[in-house]
Structure formats: C-alpha cells, structure tokens
C-alpha cells in the first residue's frame, strides 16, 4: 500500500513570529502551503526561507482562504494548522498511521489551549475538536466565520491533540474579539438575519454562565474566570455591531417598524358567548 502524501496548510496574517517557531517543526510533512491574507510583517519571507509554498490572497473570509490552500496543495490529505498551533510528536505519528489505514473523509483534531499563560482544561475548551485533516478531493469549505467542510462520508476523531498557544494577554483577546465579531456581524447581515434586543442583554449573560458553570470554567482559576467574562463581553460586542451594520444597510425605517410592532396592543381574548 502506498503512503498517502500529506500537505499542511497554514492561514497567516502578520504571523511572522509564530511562523518562525512553527515552520521548523513541520519538516515531517510532504509539503507546506502558507496562505497569506496580506501581511505587513516579514511572515512571507520567513515562509519562503523554510521552503513553504506561498499563496497571497487578500483576506475576505476563512472558508475562501482555506479553499485557496486546498487548491494550492498537492497532497492526498491536507492538514490545516493555525500559526499559533503546534502539532505534538504523538499527533504526527497517529495521523500518519490513520490516514494510511482508514477510509474516512476527514478527522476532527482535539485542541488543548494555553490562554493567558495557563493551560486550560475547561471553560468550553474541552469541546474544541474542529475538523482539520481532510481528503483534498473530498469537498470544499463554506461559511464566513465558523466555516465547515462540505463533503459526504464518515468523519473520524484523532486521540492526540494540537497545542494551541493563544491569547497571551487580555489586549490580545480584545484585538481578536474585534476582528471576529466584525466578521460575524457582517455575515449575519449578509444572510438577512435581523438583530434582536435580547442578543444585546441576554446572550452575554448566558455565554458567561455557560462557560463558567456548565463548562466548569471556575476550575481554570482566575484566568478561566477572566476568559469566561470576556467571552460574555464578546457576545455583547457582536450584538452591538450586528445592530449597527443592520441599521446602516436598512436604515431607520426598519427600527421604526420594529418599534411599531412592539407597541401594538395585545389582542383581546374572550367576548360574547365565551
């Protein structure tokens, strides 16, 4: 049986320092493709110096960037790795073994995150198992922010994990929050999803409680509590941006119609003969 060729695709945007650390750890791959969204640092030079194939494509959404990497790759399998992630030796051995012996469309990969300098075990991070390893010819990516791989066939789960060294500081969290909430708000408007008042006030509290209590974020210590609180803040920022972009597109007329609906009197029940 021939050994499947494996390509690694990295989406990058101003990731010079992370690429400098990550790329030397990927020499086991048959090919590395870096899809650059328009970096202003030296990330492309670092990538080329390590022998990576570089695709420069202005960033519009994650699915399109992943599809660009999928098209540029030549391997039978494509492993999508973020610049701030690190494959462990155990993960490398497992994925090499399983793509050579199993007939599936792709694999979900557990991710273990280090946030604010602390290794998290809870706060919702224990559920982080995105689809990252796919057969190149099996399908394509779709979706603006929470992209998914559209393909038929069974999906497996790897047991080994990726190390995710992310969000070292609160300012880093806030910067990422601003980027992702803008993309998510734009996607909602493009899909024609109107804003709801409860998204501004109810969803932040629910998200905070979900991560802190239901997902046991309190066990991650002060860093976990901060992360849960900031996750709630992210929902509030998203709701505000969604409403702002919606009003910019559809104007105050929509706001007036929405207010008129809320002020309509409740229908009377009962009556003669009831």
Protein backbone atom coordinates (compact mmCIF):
# COMPACT_ATOMS: atom_id res chain seq x y z
CA UNK A 1 0.00 0.00 0.00
CA UNK A 2 1.42 3.41 -0.99
CA UNK A 3 1.88 6.04 1.73
CA UNK A 4 -0.54 8.98 1.23
CA UNK A 5 1.10 12.34 0.59
CA UNK A 6 0.24 14.93 3.24
CA UNK A 7 0.20 18.70 2.82
CA UNK A 8 -0.07 21.23 5.63
CA UNK A 9 -1.95 24.49 5.01
CA UNK A 10 -1.42 27.49 7.28
CA UNK A 11 -3.61 30.60 7.13
CA UNK A 12 -1.48 33.59 8.09
CA UNK A 13 -1.89 37.31 8.61
CA UNK A 14 1.01 39.13 10.29
CA UNK A 15 2.23 35.90 11.91
CA UNK A 16 5.99 36.33 11.43
CA UNK A 17 6.98 35.32 14.95
CA UNK A 18 4.66 32.32 15.09
CA UNK A 19 5.78 31.11 11.65
CA UNK A 20 9.39 31.39 12.74
CA UNK A 21 8.65 28.88 15.52
CA UNK A 22 6.12 26.65 13.76
CA UNK A 23 7.68 26.01 10.34
CA UNK A 24 10.84 24.23 11.58
CA UNK A 25 8.52 21.80 13.40
CA UNK A 26 6.78 20.76 10.16
CA UNK A 27 9.64 19.12 8.30
CA UNK A 28 7.88 15.76 8.60
CA UNK A 29 5.16 16.95 6.16
CA UNK A 30 5.50 16.35 2.42
CA UNK A 31 4.54 19.94 1.68
CA UNK A 32 3.70 23.18 3.49
CA UNK A 33 1.43 25.84 1.94
CA UNK A 34 1.07 29.28 3.57
CA UNK A 35 -2.00 31.29 2.52
CA UNK A 36 -1.19 34.89 3.39
CA UNK A 37 -4.06 37.35 3.75
CA UNK A 38 -2.00 40.48 3.14
CA UNK A 39 0.61 40.57 5.91
CA UNK A 40 2.66 43.68 6.55
CA UNK A 41 5.38 41.92 8.52
CA UNK A 42 8.09 39.55 7.35
CA UNK A 43 5.97 36.41 7.51
CA UNK A 44 6.17 35.67 3.79
CA UNK A 45 9.95 35.90 3.80
CA UNK A 46 10.10 33.52 6.77
CA UNK A 47 7.78 31.07 5.00
CA UNK A 48 9.79 31.10 1.77
CA UNK A 49 13.03 30.68 3.68
CA UNK A 50 11.66 27.46 5.19
CA UNK A 51 10.63 26.11 1.79
CA UNK A 52 6.88 26.71 2.08
CA UNK A 53 4.78 27.38 -0.98
CA UNK A 54 3.17 30.81 -0.55
CA UNK A 55 -0.22 31.94 -1.81
CA UNK A 56 -1.01 35.64 -1.37
CA UNK A 57 -4.73 36.33 -1.26
CA UNK A 58 -6.40 39.35 0.38
CA UNK A 59 -8.47 38.07 3.29
CA UNK A 60 -12.26 38.10 2.86
CA UNK A 61 -13.41 35.08 4.86
CA UNK A 62 -11.95 31.92 6.35
CA UNK A 63 -13.69 29.48 4.00
CA UNK A 64 -12.27 31.19 0.93
CA UNK A 65 -8.78 31.23 2.44
CA UNK A 66 -8.99 27.53 3.27
CA UNK A 67 -10.24 26.72 -0.22
CA UNK A 68 -7.30 28.63 -1.69
CA UNK A 69 -4.98 26.45 0.38
CA UNK A 70 -6.88 23.35 -0.67
CA UNK A 71 -6.44 24.26 -4.34
CA UNK A 72 -2.73 25.00 -3.95
CA UNK A 73 -1.97 21.79 -2.05
CA UNK A 74 -0.93 18.65 -3.92
CA UNK A 75 -1.19 16.07 -1.15
CA UNK A 76 -3.77 13.32 -0.87
CA UNK A 77 -4.57 14.71 2.57
CA UNK A 78 -4.50 18.30 3.84
CA UNK A 79 -3.89 19.20 7.47
CA UNK A 80 -4.97 22.74 8.40
CA UNK A 81 -2.84 24.21 11.19
CA UNK A 82 -3.07 27.74 12.60
CA UNK A 83 0.16 29.69 13.02
CA UNK A 84 -0.17 29.67 16.83
CA UNK A 85 -0.69 25.90 17.00
CA UNK A 86 1.93 23.19 17.45
CA UNK A 87 1.49 19.51 16.41
CA UNK A 88 2.82 17.17 19.08
CA UNK A 89 5.03 14.19 18.06
CA UNK A 90 2.29 11.85 19.23
CA UNK A 91 -0.23 13.57 16.97
CA UNK A 92 2.12 13.32 13.98
CA UNK A 93 2.56 9.59 14.48
CA UNK A 94 -1.15 9.00 14.88
CA UNK A 95 -2.30 10.96 11.85
CA UNK A 96 0.35 9.36 9.61
CA UNK A 97 -0.79 5.92 10.72
CA UNK A 98 -4.51 6.53 10.42
CA UNK A 99 -4.63 8.24 7.01
CA UNK A 100 -2.75 5.23 5.65
CA UNK A 101 -5.14 2.65 7.07
CA UNK A 102 -8.66 4.11 7.37
CA UNK A 103 -11.26 5.02 4.76
CA UNK A 104 -12.79 8.26 6.01
CA UNK A 105 -13.35 11.76 4.61
CA UNK A 106 -11.59 13.62 7.40
CA UNK A 107 -10.65 13.77 11.07
CA UNK A 108 -11.52 16.07 13.92
CA UNK A 109 -8.49 17.04 15.99
CA UNK A 110 -8.66 17.84 19.74
CA UNK A 111 -7.07 21.16 20.67
CA UNK A 112 -5.56 21.95 24.07
CA UNK A 113 -5.30 25.69 24.63
CA UNK A 114 -2.94 27.83 26.65
CA UNK A 115 -4.75 31.09 27.42
CA UNK A 116 -3.35 34.00 29.44
CA UNK A 117 -0.32 31.79 30.06
CA UNK A 118 -2.36 28.99 31.67
CA UNK A 119 -3.17 25.56 30.24
CA UNK A 120 -6.96 25.35 30.16
CA UNK A 121 -8.86 22.13 30.79
CA UNK A 122 -12.40 23.54 30.98
CA UNK A 123 -14.28 26.80 30.10
CA UNK A 124 -15.56 25.15 26.92
CA UNK A 125 -12.08 24.47 25.54
CA UNK A 126 -12.56 20.77 26.34
CA UNK A 127 -15.06 20.63 23.44
CA UNK A 128 -12.67 22.09 20.87
CA UNK A 129 -12.40 19.34 18.24
CA UNK A 130 -12.56 21.05 14.83
CA UNK A 131 -12.30 19.24 11.51
CA UNK A 132 -8.72 19.94 10.43
CA UNK A 133 -7.49 16.90 8.50
CA UNK A 134 -9.35 16.24 5.22
CA UNK A 135 -9.01 14.38 1.97
CA UNK A 136 -8.09 17.06 -0.57
CA UNK A 137 -10.52 15.84 -3.22
CA UNK A 138 -13.41 15.13 -0.86
CA UNK A 139 -15.07 18.56 -0.69
CA UNK A 140 -14.69 22.26 0.00
CA UNK A 141 -15.08 24.79 2.79
CA UNK A 142 -18.13 27.03 3.20
CA UNK A 143 -19.17 29.70 5.71
CA UNK A 144 -17.79 33.13 6.63
CA UNK A 145 -16.61 32.81 10.25
CA UNK A 146 -17.49 29.35 11.56
CA UNK A 147 -16.57 27.60 8.33
CA UNK A 148 -17.31 23.93 7.76
CA UNK A 149 -16.12 21.32 5.30
CA UNK A 150 -18.88 20.31 2.90
CA UNK A 151 -18.36 16.67 1.97
CA UNK A 152 -20.07 13.32 2.20
CA UNK A 153 -18.54 10.43 4.08
CA UNK A 154 -17.59 9.45 7.63
CA UNK A 155 -15.55 11.76 9.86
CA UNK A 156 -13.13 10.29 12.40
CA UNK A 157 -11.63 11.68 15.59
CA UNK A 158 -7.93 11.66 16.42
CA UNK A 159 -6.96 10.92 20.02
CA UNK A 160 -3.80 13.05 20.10
CA UNK A 161 -4.05 16.83 20.21
CA UNK A 162 -2.75 20.10 18.84
CA UNK A 163 -1.18 22.56 21.28
CA UNK A 164 -2.79 25.98 20.86
CA UNK A 165 -0.74 28.81 22.35
CA UNK A 166 -3.26 31.59 22.04
CA UNK A 167 -4.42 34.81 23.70
CA UNK A 168 -1.36 35.50 25.86
CA UNK A 169 -2.86 38.72 27.26
CA UNK A 170 -6.19 40.49 27.70
CA UNK A 171 -5.29 43.05 24.97
CA UNK A 172 -4.65 40.09 22.61
CA UNK A 173 -8.12 38.73 23.44
CA UNK A 174 -9.71 42.12 22.80
CA UNK A 175 -7.92 42.50 19.47
CA UNK A 176 -9.07 39.08 18.29
CA UNK A 177 -12.56 39.77 19.60
CA UNK A 178 -12.80 42.92 17.49
CA UNK A 179 -11.79 41.07 14.31
CA UNK A 180 -14.03 38.06 14.79
CA UNK A 181 -17.13 39.96 15.94
CA UNK A 182 -16.89 42.24 12.91
CA UNK A 183 -16.76 39.24 10.57
CA UNK A 184 -19.62 37.52 12.39
CA UNK A 185 -21.81 40.65 12.35
CA UNK A 186 -21.18 41.14 8.63
CA UNK A 187 -22.10 37.51 7.96
CA UNK A 188 -25.39 37.87 9.85
CA UNK A 189 -26.36 40.93 7.83
CA UNK A 190 -25.41 39.23 4.56
CA UNK A 191 -27.65 36.28 5.48
CA UNK A 192 -30.53 38.68 6.21
CA UNK A 193 -30.68 37.86 9.93
CA UNK A 194 -32.13 40.89 11.80
CA UNK A 195 -30.81 41.88 15.24
CA UNK A 196 -32.78 41.02 18.35
CA UNK A 197 -32.87 43.07 21.54
CA UNK A 198 -32.29 40.01 23.71
CA UNK A 199 -28.99 39.33 21.92
CA UNK A 200 -27.59 42.51 23.50
CA UNK A 201 -28.54 41.78 27.10
CA UNK A 202 -29.43 38.11 27.49
CA UNK A 203 -26.83 36.30 25.36
CA UNK A 204 -23.77 37.84 27.10
CA UNK A 205 -25.03 36.65 30.50
CA UNK A 206 -25.90 33.20 29.12
CA UNK A 207 -22.48 32.83 27.50
CA UNK A 208 -20.71 33.81 30.71
CA UNK A 209 -22.75 31.33 32.78
CA UNK A 210 -22.40 28.59 30.17
CA UNK A 211 -18.63 28.74 30.20
CA UNK A 212 -18.16 29.44 33.91
CA UNK A 213 -20.70 26.97 35.34
CA UNK A 214 -21.88 24.48 32.72
CA UNK A 215 -18.41 24.13 31.16
CA UNK A 216 -16.75 24.35 34.61
CA UNK A 217 -14.62 27.39 33.81
CA UNK A 218 -14.32 28.12 37.51
CA UNK A 219 -11.88 25.18 37.69
CA UNK A 220 -9.46 27.02 35.39
CA UNK A 221 -8.71 29.55 38.13
CA UNK A 222 -8.62 33.35 37.81
CA UNK A 223 -7.55 33.10 34.18
CA UNK A 224 -10.60 30.96 33.49
CA UNK A 225 -12.92 33.39 35.22
CA UNK A 226 -11.48 36.25 33.15
CA UNK A 227 -11.85 34.23 29.94
CA UNK A 228 -15.49 33.43 30.69
CA UNK A 229 -16.26 37.06 31.43
CA UNK A 230 -14.55 38.26 28.26
CA UNK A 231 -16.44 35.64 26.25
CA UNK A 232 -19.66 37.19 27.53
CA UNK A 233 -18.36 40.63 26.55
CA UNK A 234 -17.67 39.29 23.06
CA UNK A 235 -21.35 38.38 22.67
CA UNK A 236 -22.33 41.92 23.69
CA UNK A 237 -19.90 43.49 21.19
CA UNK A 238 -21.17 41.18 18.45
CA UNK A 239 -24.80 42.14 19.12
CA UNK A 240 -23.95 45.86 19.03
CA UNK A 241 -22.03 45.55 15.77
CA UNK A 242 -24.79 43.45 14.24
CA UNK A 243 -27.38 46.11 15.05
CA UNK A 244 -25.16 48.94 13.79
CA UNK A 245 -24.42 47.25 10.45
CA UNK A 246 -28.06 46.28 10.01
CA UNK A 247 -29.22 49.87 10.51
CA UNK A 248 -26.53 51.14 8.13
CA UNK A 249 -27.89 48.85 5.42
CA UNK A 250 -31.64 49.01 6.05
CA UNK A 251 -31.90 52.43 7.68
CA UNK A 252 -34.05 53.83 10.46
CA UNK A 253 -37.23 52.64 8.72
CA UNK A 254 -36.58 49.10 9.97
CA UNK A 255 -36.08 50.41 13.50
CA UNK A 256 -39.38 52.28 13.33
CA UNK A 257 -41.25 49.23 12.01
CA UNK A 258 -39.76 47.11 14.78
CA UNK A 259 -40.83 49.65 17.40
CA UNK A 260 -44.35 49.82 15.95
CA UNK A 261 -44.71 46.04 16.18
CA UNK A 262 -43.67 46.09 19.84
CA UNK A 263 -46.20 48.85 20.64
CA UNK A 264 -49.18 47.11 19.04
CA UNK A 265 -51.90 46.32 21.63
CA UNK A 266 -52.37 42.72 22.62
CA UNK A 267 -55.46 41.10 21.05
CA UNK A 268 -58.42 40.74 23.33
CA UNK A 269 -59.46 37.24 24.34
CA UNK A 270 -62.91 36.04 25.09
CA UNK A 271 -66.06 38.03 24.22
CA UNK A 272 -69.74 37.35 23.81
CA UNK A 273 -70.56 33.73 24.19
CA UNK A 274 -67.15 32.80 25.57
